[in-house]
Structure formats: structure tokens, C-alpha cells
Amino acid sequence: MDDYFIVSHNSATHVLHTLMQTTGKAFVMDDKFSLGDLLALELHNYVDACSEIVDRAQKELNIEKQLKKIEENWQALDLVFQPYQDTDIMSLIVRGCGRKRADEQPPLRLRDS
């Protein structure tokens, strides 16, 4: 029954669409959606399919959270391209990594090879 609870409260459109395809029943998840409506879907007849839908939705949510963290980390970096010493080779200087303020830490230099 835990899986049903998660599915019934997940507002992701693709999850609802997949449920409709699996059960062959159309429904609208709104404020008027009740326990009776949920029971009328007869999800107990689709336990394996519902479990797979919930599992996939949870994995997608986890991926979205990780992507958001990655995006936040990259946005926090101060990336600057500068010529390496007296050459035409550009080096990437990364500031803003770690816990120190960008102006308090030495730059991390990456050479273009």
C-alpha cells in the first residue's frame, strides 16, 4: 500500500500518464480526487507495474536533485581563461572552489595541451 500512496501523491505528469496507460483508465489528479477514486483505479491489479513506475519516478527525482547540485556547484565557480606564462597557450583558472572565498585562495590552473 506504500507504493500506492507515493504514486497517488506524485504530481509528475509523466507518472500519471504512465499509470493511465497501464490501468487503461483516465483520471484527473486534483483537489476532488478522493480515496474512492484511487480505489476505483484498481491499482492492486497492477502491483508490479505500479512498483516499477514508482521506482522509475524516484530514480528520476534523485537524478534531478543530483543535476541541480552539479549546476549549483558550477555556477559557484569563477572560471577565467588567461595566457599561460608568455605563451599562446590558454590556461583555465578556477576560482571559487572549496570553502574559502575566491579572493582568499590560490587559483587552480589547468593547462591546455
PDB file of N, CA and C in Angstrom:
ATOM      1  N   MET A   1       0.817  -1.201   0.000  1.00  0.00           N
ATOM      2  CA  MET A   1       0.000   0.000   0.000  1.00  0.00           C
ATOM      3  C   MET A   1       0.856   1.258   0.000  1.00  0.00           C
ATOM      4  N   ASP A   2       2.120   1.181   0.498  1.00  0.00           N
ATOM      5  CA  ASP A   2       3.001   2.343   0.494  1.00  0.00           C
ATOM      6  C   ASP A   2       3.252   2.848  -0.914  1.00  0.00           C
ATOM      7  N   ASP A   3       3.446   1.925  -1.868  1.00  0.00           N
ATOM      8  CA  ASP A   3       3.679   2.318  -3.253  1.00  0.00           C
ATOM      9  C   ASP A   3       2.485   3.077  -3.803  1.00  0.00           C
ATOM     10  N   TYR A   4       1.286   2.649  -3.475  1.00  0.00           N
ATOM     11  CA  TYR A   4       0.093   3.328  -3.965  1.00  0.00           C
ATOM     12  C   TYR A   4       0.038   4.751  -3.433  1.00  0.00           C
ATOM     13  N   PHE A   5       0.416   4.911  -2.177  1.00  0.00           N
ATOM     14  CA  PHE A   5       0.390   6.245  -1.565  1.00  0.00           C
ATOM     15  C   PHE A   5       1.350   7.182  -2.284  1.00  0.00           C
ATOM     16  N   ILE A   6       2.558   6.688  -2.579  1.00  0.00           N
ATOM     17  CA  ILE A   6       3.546   7.509  -3.280  1.00  0.00           C
ATOM     18  C   ILE A   6       3.043   7.863  -4.670  1.00  0.00           C
ATOM     19  N   VAL A   7       2.516   6.900  -5.382  1.00  0.00           N
ATOM     20  CA  VAL A   7       2.019   7.148  -6.732  1.00  0.00           C
ATOM     21  C   VAL A   7       0.869   8.141  -6.692  1.00  0.00           C
ATOM     22  N   SER A   8      -0.062   7.978  -5.761  1.00  0.00           N
ATOM     23  CA  SER A   8      -1.246   8.828  -5.745  1.00  0.00           C
ATOM     24  C   SER A   8      -0.921  10.274  -5.413  1.00  0.00           C
ATOM     25  N   HIS A   9       0.214  10.547  -4.783  1.00  0.00           N
ATOM     26  CA  HIS A   9       0.570  11.914  -4.419  1.00  0.00           C
ATOM     27  C   HIS A   9       1.686  12.490  -5.288  1.00  0.00           C
ATOM     28  N   ASN A  10       2.150  11.751  -6.252  1.00  0.00           N
ATOM     29  CA  ASN A  10       3.176  12.249  -7.156  1.00  0.00           C
ATOM     30  C   ASN A  10       2.493  13.002  -8.279  1.00  0.00           C
ATOM     31  N   SER A  11       2.802  14.299  -8.410  1.00  0.00           N
ATOM     32  CA  SER A  11       2.096  15.131  -9.373  1.00  0.00           C
ATOM     33  C   SER A  11       2.767  15.177 -10.733  1.00  0.00           C
ATOM     34  N   ALA A  12       3.806  14.397 -10.942  1.00  0.00           N
ATOM     35  CA  ALA A  12       4.513  14.410 -12.224  1.00  0.00           C
ATOM     36  C   ALA A  12       3.584  13.907 -13.322  1.00  0.00           C
ATOM     37  N   THR A  13       3.467  14.687 -14.372  1.00  0.00           N
ATOM     38  CA  THR A  13       2.562  14.360 -15.471  1.00  0.00           C
ATOM     39  C   THR A  13       2.898  13.031 -16.116  1.00  0.00           C
ATOM     40  N   HIS A  14       4.179  12.758 -16.310  1.00  0.00           N
ATOM     41  CA  HIS A  14       4.543  11.505 -16.982  1.00  0.00           C
ATOM     42  C   HIS A  14       4.190  10.284 -16.143  1.00  0.00           C
ATOM     43  N   VAL A  15       4.242  10.414 -14.828  1.00  0.00           N
ATOM     44  CA  VAL A  15       3.868   9.290 -13.963  1.00  0.00           C
ATOM     45  C   VAL A  15       2.376   9.025 -14.085  1.00  0.00           C
ATOM     46  N   LEU A  16       1.582  10.097 -14.067  1.00  0.00           N
ATOM     47  CA  LEU A  16       0.135   9.930 -14.195  1.00  0.00           C
ATOM     48  C   LEU A  16      -0.230   9.348 -15.562  1.00  0.00           C
ATOM     49  N   HIS A  17       0.431   9.831 -16.590  1.00  0.00           N
ATOM     50  CA  HIS A  17       0.176   9.321 -17.932  1.00  0.00           C
ATOM     51  C   HIS A  17       0.507   7.831 -18.017  1.00  0.00           C
ATOM     52  N   THR A  18       1.629   7.439 -17.429  1.00  0.00           N
ATOM     53  CA  THR A  18       2.028   6.032 -17.439  1.00  0.00           C
ATOM     54  C   THR A  18       1.025   5.181 -16.664  1.00  0.00           C
ATOM     55  N   LEU A  19       0.544   5.707 -15.549  1.00  0.00           N
ATOM     56  CA  LEU A  19      -0.481   4.982 -14.783  1.00  0.00           C
ATOM     57  C   LEU A  19      -1.745   4.792 -15.611  1.00  0.00           C
ATOM     58  N   MET A  20      -2.147   5.844 -16.331  1.00  0.00           N
ATOM     59  CA  MET A  20      -3.347   5.740 -17.166  1.00  0.00           C
ATOM     60  C   MET A  20      -3.167   4.693 -18.254  1.00  0.00           C
ATOM     61  N   GLN A  21      -1.985   4.678 -18.863  1.00  0.00           N
ATOM     62  CA  GLN A  21      -1.713   3.677 -19.899  1.00  0.00           C
ATOM     63  C   GLN A  21      -1.728   2.268 -19.313  1.00  0.00           C
ATOM     64  N   THR A  22      -1.148   2.114 -18.131  1.00  0.00           N
ATOM     65  CA  THR A  22      -1.050   0.794 -17.503  1.00  0.00           C
ATOM     66  C   THR A  22      -2.417   0.258 -17.103  1.00  0.00           C
ATOM     67  N   THR A  23      -3.229   1.126 -16.496  1.00  0.00           N
ATOM     68  CA  THR A  23      -4.540   0.693 -15.995  1.00  0.00           C
ATOM     69  C   THR A  23      -5.625   0.754 -17.063  1.00  0.00           C
ATOM     70  N   GLY A  24      -5.385   1.531 -18.114  1.00  0.00           N
ATOM     71  CA  GLY A  24      -6.424   1.720 -19.133  1.00  0.00           C
ATOM     72  C   GLY A  24      -7.547   2.608 -18.661  1.00  0.00           C
ATOM     73  N   LYS A  25      -7.316   3.352 -17.578  1.00  0.00           N
ATOM     74  CA  LYS A  25      -8.349   4.229 -17.014  1.00  0.00           C
ATOM     75  C   LYS A  25      -7.839   5.660 -16.983  1.00  0.00           C
ATOM     76  N   ALA A  26      -8.716   6.583 -17.362  1.00  0.00           N
ATOM     77  CA  ALA A  26      -8.362   8.002 -17.324  1.00  0.00           C
ATOM     78  C   ALA A  26      -8.838   8.603 -16.001  1.00  0.00           C
ATOM     79  N   PHE A  27      -8.030   9.500 -15.447  1.00  0.00           N
ATOM     80  CA  PHE A  27      -8.406  10.180 -14.213  1.00  0.00           C
ATOM     81  C   PHE A  27      -7.700  11.526 -14.144  1.00  0.00           C
ATOM     82  N   VAL A  28      -8.229  12.378 -13.298  1.00  0.00           N
ATOM     83  CA  VAL A  28      -7.639  13.703 -13.088  1.00  0.00           C
ATOM     84  C   VAL A  28      -7.247  13.803 -11.617  1.00  0.00           C
ATOM     85  N   MET A  29      -5.980  14.099 -11.394  1.00  0.00           N
ATOM     86  CA  MET A  29      -5.486  14.234 -10.023  1.00  0.00           C
ATOM     87  C   MET A  29      -5.631  15.700  -9.624  1.00  0.00           C
ATOM     88  N   ASP A  30      -6.714  16.016  -8.929  1.00  0.00           N
ATOM     89  CA  ASP A  30      -6.943  17.384  -8.477  1.00  0.00           C
ATOM     90  C   ASP A  30      -7.432  17.369  -7.034  1.00  0.00           C
ATOM     91  N   ASP A  31      -7.918  18.495  -6.557  1.00  0.00           N
ATOM     92  CA  ASP A  31      -8.380  18.592  -5.164  1.00  0.00           C
ATOM     93  C   ASP A  31      -9.583  17.696  -4.890  1.00  0.00           C
ATOM     94  N   LYS A  32     -10.317  17.323  -5.917  1.00  0.00           N
ATOM     95  CA  LYS A  32     -11.511  16.500  -5.749  1.00  0.00           C
ATOM     96  C   LYS A  32     -11.195  15.007  -5.792  1.00  0.00           C
ATOM     97  N   PHE A  33      -9.944  14.649  -6.122  1.00  0.00           N
ATOM     98  CA  PHE A  33      -9.543  13.252  -6.183  1.00  0.00           C
ATOM     99  C   PHE A  33      -9.612  12.665  -4.783  1.00  0.00           C
ATOM    100  N   SER A  34     -10.347  11.572  -4.626  1.00  0.00           N
ATOM    101  CA  SER A  34     -10.585  11.010  -3.292  1.00  0.00           C
ATOM    102  C   SER A  34     -10.063   9.577  -3.188  1.00  0.00           C
ATOM    103  N   LEU A  35     -10.144   9.055  -1.998  1.00  0.00           N
ATOM    104  CA  LEU A  35      -9.748   7.667  -1.777  1.00  0.00           C
ATOM    105  C   LEU A  35     -10.601   6.736  -2.622  1.00  0.00           C
ATOM    106  N   GLY A  36     -11.873   7.065  -2.767  1.00  0.00           N
ATOM    107  CA  GLY A  36     -12.760   6.257  -3.611  1.00  0.00           C
ATOM    108  C   GLY A  36     -12.289   6.239  -5.054  1.00  0.00           C
ATOM    109  N   ASP A  37     -11.836   7.403  -5.550  1.00  0.00           N
ATOM    110  CA  ASP A  37     -11.297   7.474  -6.915  1.00  0.00           C
ATOM    111  C   ASP A  37     -10.048   6.611  -7.044  1.00  0.00           C
ATOM    112  N   LEU A  38      -9.219   6.660  -6.019  1.00  0.00           N
ATOM    113  CA  LEU A  38      -7.999   5.855  -6.021  1.00  0.00           C
ATOM    114  C   LEU A  38      -8.328   4.360  -6.043  1.00  0.00           C
ATOM    115  N   LEU A  39      -9.268   3.958  -5.210  1.00  0.00           N
ATOM    116  CA  LEU A  39      -9.657   2.551  -5.166  1.00  0.00           C
ATOM    117  C   LEU A  39     -10.305   2.105  -6.478  1.00  0.00           C
ATOM    118  N   ALA A  40     -11.013   3.018  -7.136  1.00  0.00           N
ATOM    119  CA  ALA A  40     -11.671   2.691  -8.401  1.00  0.00           C
ATOM    120  C   ALA A  40     -10.655   2.403  -9.511  1.00  0.00           C
ATOM    121  N   LEU A  41      -9.426   2.889  -9.349  1.00  0.00           N
ATOM    122  CA  LEU A  41      -8.393   2.603 -10.333  1.00  0.00           C
ATOM    123  C   LEU A  41      -7.948   1.142 -10.300  1.00  0.00           C
ATOM    124  N   GLU A  42      -8.257   0.459  -9.219  1.00  0.00           N
ATOM    125  CA  GLU A  42      -7.906  -0.954  -9.039  1.00  0.00           C
ATOM    126  C   GLU A  42      -6.407  -1.199  -9.223  1.00  0.00           C
ATOM    127  N   LEU A  43      -5.619  -0.341  -8.594  1.00  0.00           N
ATOM    128  CA  LEU A  43      -4.164  -0.466  -8.709  1.00  0.00           C
ATOM    129  C   LEU A  43      -3.646  -1.786  -8.141  1.00  0.00           C
ATOM    130  N   HIS A  44      -4.421  -2.389  -7.268  1.00  0.00           N
ATOM    131  CA  HIS A  44      -4.000  -3.686  -6.711  1.00  0.00           C
ATOM    132  C   HIS A  44      -3.888  -4.756  -7.794  1.00  0.00           C
ATOM    133  N   ASN A  45      -4.500  -4.521  -8.935  1.00  0.00           N
ATOM    134  CA  ASN A  45      -4.380  -5.457 -10.058  1.00  0.00           C
ATOM    135  C   ASN A  45      -3.120  -5.215 -10.889  1.00  0.00           C
ATOM    136  N   TYR A  46      -2.400  -4.155 -10.556  1.00  0.00           N
ATOM    137  CA  TYR A  46      -1.214  -3.757 -11.330  1.00  0.00           C
ATOM    138  C   TYR A  46      -0.017  -3.503 -10.404  1.00  0.00           C
ATOM    139  N   VAL A  47       0.134  -4.334  -9.396  1.00  0.00           N
ATOM    140  CA  VAL A  47       1.156  -4.126  -8.373  1.00  0.00           C
ATOM    141  C   VAL A  47       2.555  -4.021  -8.986  1.00  0.00           C
ATOM    142  N   ASP A  48       2.929  -4.951  -9.834  1.00  0.00           N
ATOM    143  CA  ASP A  48       4.279  -4.941 -10.418  1.00  0.00           C
ATOM    144  C   ASP A  48       4.502  -3.702 -11.275  1.00  0.00           C
ATOM    145  N   ALA A  49       3.532  -3.385 -12.113  1.00  0.00           N
ATOM    146  CA  ALA A  49       3.666  -2.213 -12.988  1.00  0.00           C
ATOM    147  C   ALA A  49       3.734  -0.925 -12.166  1.00  0.00           C
ATOM    148  N   CYS A  50       2.902  -0.829 -11.146  1.00  0.00           N
ATOM    149  CA  CYS A  50       2.902   0.373 -10.290  1.00  0.00           C
ATOM    150  C   CYS A  50       4.221   0.492  -9.537  1.00  0.00           C
ATOM    151  N   SER A  51       4.735  -0.617  -9.049  1.00  0.00           N
ATOM    152  CA  SER A  51       6.026  -0.586  -8.347  1.00  0.00           C
ATOM    153  C   SER A  51       7.129  -0.113  -9.270  1.00  0.00           C
ATOM    154  N   GLU A  52       7.108  -0.574 -10.521  1.00  0.00           N
ATOM    155  CA  GLU A  52       8.112  -0.156 -11.493  1.00  0.00           C
ATOM    156  C   GLU A  52       7.984   1.339 -11.803  1.00  0.00           C
ATOM    157  N   ILE A  53       6.759   1.822 -11.934  1.00  0.00           N
ATOM    158  CA  ILE A  53       6.523   3.249 -12.203  1.00  0.00           C
ATOM    159  C   ILE A  53       7.048   4.095 -11.056  1.00  0.00           C
ATOM    160  N   VAL A  54       6.743   3.694  -9.830  1.00  0.00           N
ATOM    161  CA  VAL A  54       7.192   4.431  -8.645  1.00  0.00           C
ATOM    162  C   VAL A  54       8.715   4.409  -8.555  1.00  0.00           C
ATOM    163  N   ASP A  55       9.310   3.238  -8.782  1.00  0.00           N
ATOM    164  CA  ASP A  55      10.766   3.106  -8.719  1.00  0.00           C
ATOM    165  C   ASP A  55      11.425   4.025  -9.745  1.00  0.00           C
ATOM    166  N   ARG A  56      10.919   4.023 -10.956  1.00  0.00           N
ATOM    167  CA  ARG A  56      11.476   4.865 -12.023  1.00  0.00           C
ATOM    168  C   ARG A  56      11.326   6.349 -11.669  1.00  0.00           C
ATOM    169  N   ALA A  57      10.176   6.729 -11.132  1.00  0.00           N
ATOM    170  CA  ALA A  57       9.935   8.135 -10.759  1.00  0.00           C
ATOM    171  C   ALA A  57      10.881   8.569  -9.643  1.00  0.00           C
ATOM    172  N   GLN A  58      11.117   7.696  -8.674  1.00  0.00           N
ATOM    173  CA  GLN A  58      12.033   8.028  -7.586  1.00  0.00           C
ATOM    174  C   GLN A  58      13.458   8.178  -8.101  1.00  0.00           C
ATOM    175  N   LYS A  59      13.865   7.318  -9.017  1.00  0.00           N
ATOM    176  CA  LYS A  59      15.210   7.410  -9.599  1.00  0.00           C
ATOM    177  C   LYS A  59      15.355   8.698 -10.400  1.00  0.00           C
ATOM    178  N   GLU A  60      14.328   9.065 -11.164  1.00  0.00           N
ATOM    179  CA  GLU A  60      14.370  10.307 -11.938  1.00  0.00           C
ATOM    180  C   GLU A  60      14.462  11.522 -11.012  1.00  0.00           C
ATOM    181  N   LEU A  61      13.728  11.490  -9.905  1.00  0.00           N
ATOM    182  CA  LEU A  61      13.785  12.586  -8.945  1.00  0.00           C
ATOM    183  C   LEU A  61      15.173  12.699  -8.340  1.00  0.00           C
ATOM    184  N   ASN A  62      15.784  11.570  -8.035  1.00  0.00           N
ATOM    185  CA  ASN A  62      17.137  11.557  -7.489  1.00  0.00           C
ATOM    186  C   ASN A  62      18.132  12.130  -8.498  1.00  0.00           C
ATOM    187  N   ILE A  63      17.985  11.760  -9.762  1.00  0.00           N
ATOM    188  CA  ILE A  63      18.860  12.293 -10.812  1.00  0.00           C
ATOM    189  C   ILE A  63      18.682  13.804 -10.926  1.00  0.00           C
ATOM    190  N   GLU A  64      17.443  14.273 -10.898  1.00  0.00           N
ATOM    191  CA  GLU A  64      17.178  15.713 -10.976  1.00  0.00           C
ATOM    192  C   GLU A  64      17.825  16.470  -9.817  1.00  0.00           C
ATOM    193  N   LYS A  65      17.775  15.892  -8.619  1.00  0.00           N
ATOM    194  CA  LYS A  65      18.409  16.529  -7.462  1.00  0.00           C
ATOM    195  C   LYS A  65      19.922  16.603  -7.640  1.00  0.00           C
ATOM    196  N   GLN A  66      20.513  15.519  -8.129  1.00  0.00           N
ATOM    197  CA  GLN A  66      21.958  15.498  -8.342  1.00  0.00           C
ATOM    198  C   GLN A  66      22.364  16.496  -9.427  1.00  0.00           C
ATOM    199  N   LEU A  67      21.582  16.587 -10.499  1.00  0.00           N
ATOM    200  CA  LEU A  67      21.877  17.558 -11.556  1.00  0.00           C
ATOM    201  C   LEU A  67      21.785  18.988 -11.033  1.00  0.00           C
ATOM    202  N   LYS A  68      20.830  19.234 -10.153  1.00  0.00           N
ATOM    203  CA  LYS A  68      20.704  20.575  -9.567  1.00  0.00           C
ATOM    204  C   LYS A  68      21.934  20.911  -8.725  1.00  0.00           C
ATOM    205  N   LYS A  69      22.422  19.929  -7.952  1.00  0.00           N
ATOM    206  CA  LYS A  69      23.635  20.149  -7.158  1.00  0.00           C
ATOM    207  C   LYS A  69      24.831  20.457  -8.060  1.00  0.00           C
ATOM    208  N   ILE A  70      24.958  19.688  -9.141  1.00  0.00           N
ATOM    209  CA  ILE A  70      26.064  19.909 -10.077  1.00  0.00           C
ATOM    210  C   ILE A  70      25.973  21.308 -10.673  1.00  0.00           C
ATOM    211  N   GLU A  71      24.781  21.698 -11.084  1.00  0.00           N
ATOM    212  CA  GLU A  71      24.583  23.029 -11.665  1.00  0.00           C
ATOM    213  C   GLU A  71      24.936  24.125 -10.657  1.00  0.00           C
ATOM    214  N   GLU A  72      24.508  23.966  -9.408  1.00  0.00           N
ATOM    215  CA  GLU A  72      24.823  24.952  -8.368  1.00  0.00           C
ATOM    216  C   GLU A  72      26.327  25.043  -8.136  1.00  0.00           C
ATOM    217  N   ASN A  73      27.008  23.892  -8.128  1.00  0.00           N
ATOM    218  CA  ASN A  73      28.466  23.888  -7.934  1.00  0.00           C
ATOM    219  C   ASN A  73      29.170  24.607  -9.071  1.00  0.00           C
ATOM    220  N   TRP A  74      28.753  24.346 -10.301  1.00  0.00           N
ATOM    221  CA  TRP A  74      29.392  25.001 -11.445  1.00  0.00           C
ATOM    222  C   TRP A  74      29.097  26.494 -11.470  1.00  0.00           C
ATOM    223  N   GLN A  75      27.892  26.887 -11.071  1.00  0.00           N
ATOM    224  CA  GLN A  75      27.565  28.309 -11.044  1.00  0.00           C
ATOM    225  C   GLN A  75      28.378  29.052  -9.992  1.00  0.00           C
ATOM    226  N   ALA A  76      28.798  28.356  -8.957  1.00  0.00           N
ATOM    227  CA  ALA A  76      29.569  28.984  -7.884  1.00  0.00           C
ATOM    228  C   ALA A  76      31.026  29.211  -8.279  1.00  0.00           C
ATOM    229  N   LEU A  77      31.482  28.556  -9.336  1.00  0.00           N
ATOM    230  CA  LEU A  77      32.875  28.692  -9.754  1.00  0.00           C
ATOM    231  C   LEU A  77      33.084  29.959 -10.579  1.00  0.00           C
ATOM    232  N   ASP A  78      34.256  30.513 -10.414  1.00  0.00           N
ATOM    233  CA  ASP A  78      34.671  31.662 -11.215  1.00  0.00           C
ATOM    234  C   ASP A  78      35.746  31.147 -12.164  1.00  0.00           C
ATOM    235  N   LEU A  79      35.380  30.955 -13.430  1.00  0.00           N
ATOM    236  CA  LEU A  79      36.300  30.397 -14.421  1.00  0.00           C
ATOM    237  C   LEU A  79      36.855  31.521 -15.293  1.00  0.00           C
ATOM    238  N   VAL A  80      38.187  31.550 -15.438  1.00  0.00           N
ATOM    239  CA  VAL A  80      38.849  32.593 -16.226  1.00  0.00           C
ATOM    240  C   VAL A  80      39.895  31.941 -17.117  1.00  0.00           C
ATOM    241  N   PHE A  81      39.915  32.311 -18.391  1.00  0.00           N
ATOM    242  CA  PHE A  81      40.967  31.867 -19.315  1.00  0.00           C
ATOM    243  C   PHE A  81      42.011  32.970 -19.406  1.00  0.00           C
ATOM    244  N   GLN A  82      43.279  32.570 -19.227  1.00  0.00           N
ATOM    245  CA  GLN A  82      44.390  33.516 -19.333  1.00  0.00           C
ATOM    246  C   GLN A  82      45.543  32.831 -20.056  1.00  0.00           C
ATOM    247  N   PRO A  83      46.352  33.613 -20.761  1.00  0.00           N
ATOM    248  CA  PRO A  83      47.529  33.008 -21.393  1.00  0.00           C
ATOM    249  C   PRO A  83      48.455  32.439 -20.332  1.00  0.00           C
ATOM    250  N   TYR A  84      49.003  31.267 -20.625  1.00  0.00           N
ATOM    251  CA  TYR A  84      49.927  30.620 -19.706  1.00  0.00           C
ATOM    252  C   TYR A  84      51.306  31.216 -19.902  1.00  0.00           C
ATOM    253  N   GLN A  85      51.809  31.816 -18.839  1.00  0.00           N
ATOM    254  CA  GLN A  85      53.098  32.494 -18.826  1.00  0.00           C
ATOM    255  C   GLN A  85      53.209  33.394 -20.064  1.00  0.00           C
ATOM    256  N   ASP A  86      54.228  33.248 -20.846  1.00  0.00           N
ATOM    257  CA  ASP A  86      54.406  34.102 -22.025  1.00  0.00           C
ATOM    258  C   ASP A  86      54.148  33.326 -23.313  1.00  0.00           C
ATOM    259  N   THR A  87      53.120  32.449 -23.301  1.00  0.00           N
ATOM    260  CA  THR A  87      52.836  31.629 -24.481  1.00  0.00           C
ATOM    261  C   THR A  87      51.442  31.955 -25.024  1.00  0.00           C
ATOM    262  N   ASP A  88      51.125  31.350 -26.151  1.00  0.00           N
ATOM    263  CA  ASP A  88      49.779  31.475 -26.723  1.00  0.00           C
ATOM    264  C   ASP A  88      48.829  30.417 -26.164  1.00  0.00           C
ATOM    265  N   ILE A  89      49.320  29.569 -25.298  1.00  0.00           N
ATOM    266  CA  ILE A  89      48.503  28.512 -24.701  1.00  0.00           C
ATOM    267  C   ILE A  89      47.640  29.125 -23.602  1.00  0.00           C
ATOM    268  N   MET A  90      46.339  28.868 -23.717  1.00  0.00           N
ATOM    269  CA  MET A  90      45.417  29.403 -22.713  1.00  0.00           C
ATOM    270  C   MET A  90      45.317  28.426 -21.537  1.00  0.00           C
ATOM    271  N   SER A  91      45.301  28.973 -20.350  1.00  0.00           N
ATOM    272  CA  SER A  91      45.106  28.146 -19.164  1.00  0.00           C
ATOM    273  C   SER A  91      43.798  28.558 -18.507  1.00  0.00           C
ATOM    274  N   LEU A  92      43.152  27.599 -17.917  1.00  0.00           N
ATOM    275  CA  LEU A  92      41.884  27.836 -17.240  1.00  0.00           C
ATOM    276  C   LEU A  92      42.165  28.014 -15.760  1.00  0.00           C
ATOM    277  N   ILE A  93      41.798  29.149 -15.239  1.00  0.00           N
ATOM    278  CA  ILE A  93      41.969  29.422 -13.812  1.00  0.00           C
ATOM    279  C   ILE A  93      40.603  29.255 -13.169  1.00  0.00           C
ATOM    280  N   VAL A  94      40.555  28.400 -12.169  1.00  0.00           N
ATOM    281  CA  VAL A  94      39.308  28.116 -11.469  1.00  0.00           C
ATOM    282  C   VAL A  94      39.385  28.748 -10.083  1.00  0.00           C
ATOM    283  N   ARG A  95      38.495  29.657  -9.843  1.00  0.00           N
ATOM    284  CA  ARG A  95      38.399  30.274  -8.514  1.00  0.00           C
ATOM    285  C   ARG A  95      37.044  29.906  -7.930  1.00  0.00           C
ATOM    286  N   GLY A  96      36.947  29.941  -6.638  1.00  0.00           N
ATOM    287  CA  GLY A  96      35.662  29.712  -6.001  1.00  0.00           C
ATOM    288  C   GLY A  96      35.412  28.281  -5.597  1.00  0.00           C
ATOM    289  N   CYS A  97      36.413  27.392  -5.715  1.00  0.00           N
ATOM    290  CA  CYS A  97      36.210  26.018  -5.266  1.00  0.00           C
ATOM    291  C   CYS A  97      36.666  25.899  -3.812  1.00  0.00           C
ATOM    292  N   GLY A  98      36.080  25.030  -3.092  1.00  0.00           N
ATOM    293  CA  GLY A  98      36.401  24.876  -1.676  1.00  0.00           C
ATOM    294  C   GLY A  98      35.568  25.824  -0.832  1.00  0.00           C
ATOM    295  N   ARG A  99      35.946  25.957   0.426  1.00  0.00           N
ATOM    296  CA  ARG A  99      35.165  26.764   1.355  1.00  0.00           C
ATOM    297  C   ARG A  99      35.660  28.198   1.470  1.00  0.00           C
ATOM    298  N   LYS A 100      36.852  28.473   0.967  1.00  0.00           N
ATOM    299  CA  LYS A 100      37.391  29.826   1.062  1.00  0.00           C
ATOM    300  C   LYS A 100      36.728  30.723   0.036  1.00  0.00           C
ATOM    301  N   ARG A 101      36.750  31.995   0.279  1.00  0.00           N
ATOM    302  CA  ARG A 101      36.269  32.949  -0.714  1.00  0.00           C
ATOM    303  C   ARG A 101      37.234  32.931  -1.890  1.00  0.00           C
ATOM    304  N   ALA A 102      36.737  33.288  -3.057  1.00  0.00           N
ATOM    305  CA  ALA A 102      37.546  33.217  -4.276  1.00  0.00           C
ATOM    306  C   ALA A 102      38.799  34.066  -4.180  1.00  0.00           C
ATOM    307  N   ASP A 103      38.740  35.221  -3.517  1.00  0.00           N
ATOM    308  CA  ASP A 103      39.908  36.095  -3.445  1.00  0.00           C
ATOM    309  C   ASP A 103      40.897  35.664  -2.354  1.00  0.00           C
ATOM    310  N   GLU A 104      40.549  34.651  -1.543  1.00  0.00           N
ATOM    311  CA  GLU A 104      41.429  34.184  -0.472  1.00  0.00           C
ATOM    312  C   GLU A 104      42.205  32.929  -0.850  1.00  0.00           C
ATOM    313  N   GLN A 105      41.867  32.307  -1.955  1.00  0.00           N
ATOM    314  CA  GLN A 105      42.529  31.047  -2.293  1.00  0.00           C
ATOM    315  C   GLN A 105      43.321  31.185  -3.582  1.00  0.00           C
ATOM    316  N   PRO A 106      44.396  30.422  -3.673  1.00  0.00           N
ATOM    317  CA  PRO A 106      45.179  30.470  -4.914  1.00  0.00           C
ATOM    318  C   PRO A 106      44.386  29.836  -6.051  1.00  0.00           C
ATOM    319  N   PRO A 107      44.558  30.321  -7.270  1.00  0.00           N
ATOM    320  CA  PRO A 107      43.812  29.745  -8.387  1.00  0.00           C
ATOM    321  C   PRO A 107      44.320  28.358  -8.743  1.00  0.00           C
ATOM    322  N   LEU A 108      43.431  27.520  -9.213  1.00  0.00           N
ATOM    323  CA  LEU A 108      43.773  26.208  -9.730  1.00  0.00           C
ATOM    324  C   LEU A 108      43.974  26.381 -11.230  1.00  0.00           C
ATOM    325  N   ARG A 109      45.158  26.032 -11.724  1.00  0.00           N
ATOM    326  CA  ARG A 109      45.459  26.259 -13.136  1.00  0.00           C
ATOM    327  C   ARG A 109      45.422  24.933 -13.896  1.00  0.00           C
ATOM    328  N   LEU A 110      44.704  24.938 -15.009  1.00  0.00           N
ATOM    329  CA  LEU A 110      44.638  23.787 -15.890  1.00  0.00           C
ATOM    330  C   LEU A 110      45.228  24.200 -17.233  1.00  0.00           C
ATOM    331  N   ARG A 111      46.225  23.473 -17.689  1.00  0.00           N
ATOM    332  CA  ARG A 111      46.877  23.819 -18.953  1.00  0.00           C
ATOM    333  C   ARG A 111      46.192  23.154 -20.122  1.00  0.00           C
ATOM    334  N   ASP A 112      46.149  23.869 -21.233  1.00  0.00           N
ATOM    335  CA  ASP A 112      45.660  23.332 -22.493  1.00  0.00           C
ATOM    336  C   ASP A 112      46.821  22.638 -23.174  1.00  0.00           C
ATOM    337  N   SER A 113      46.694  21.326 -23.439  1.00  0.00           N
ATOM    338  CA  SER A 113      47.833  20.597 -24.035  1.00  0.00           C
ATOM    339  C   SER A 113      47.625  20.342 -25.496  1.00  0.00           C
TER     340      SER A 113
END
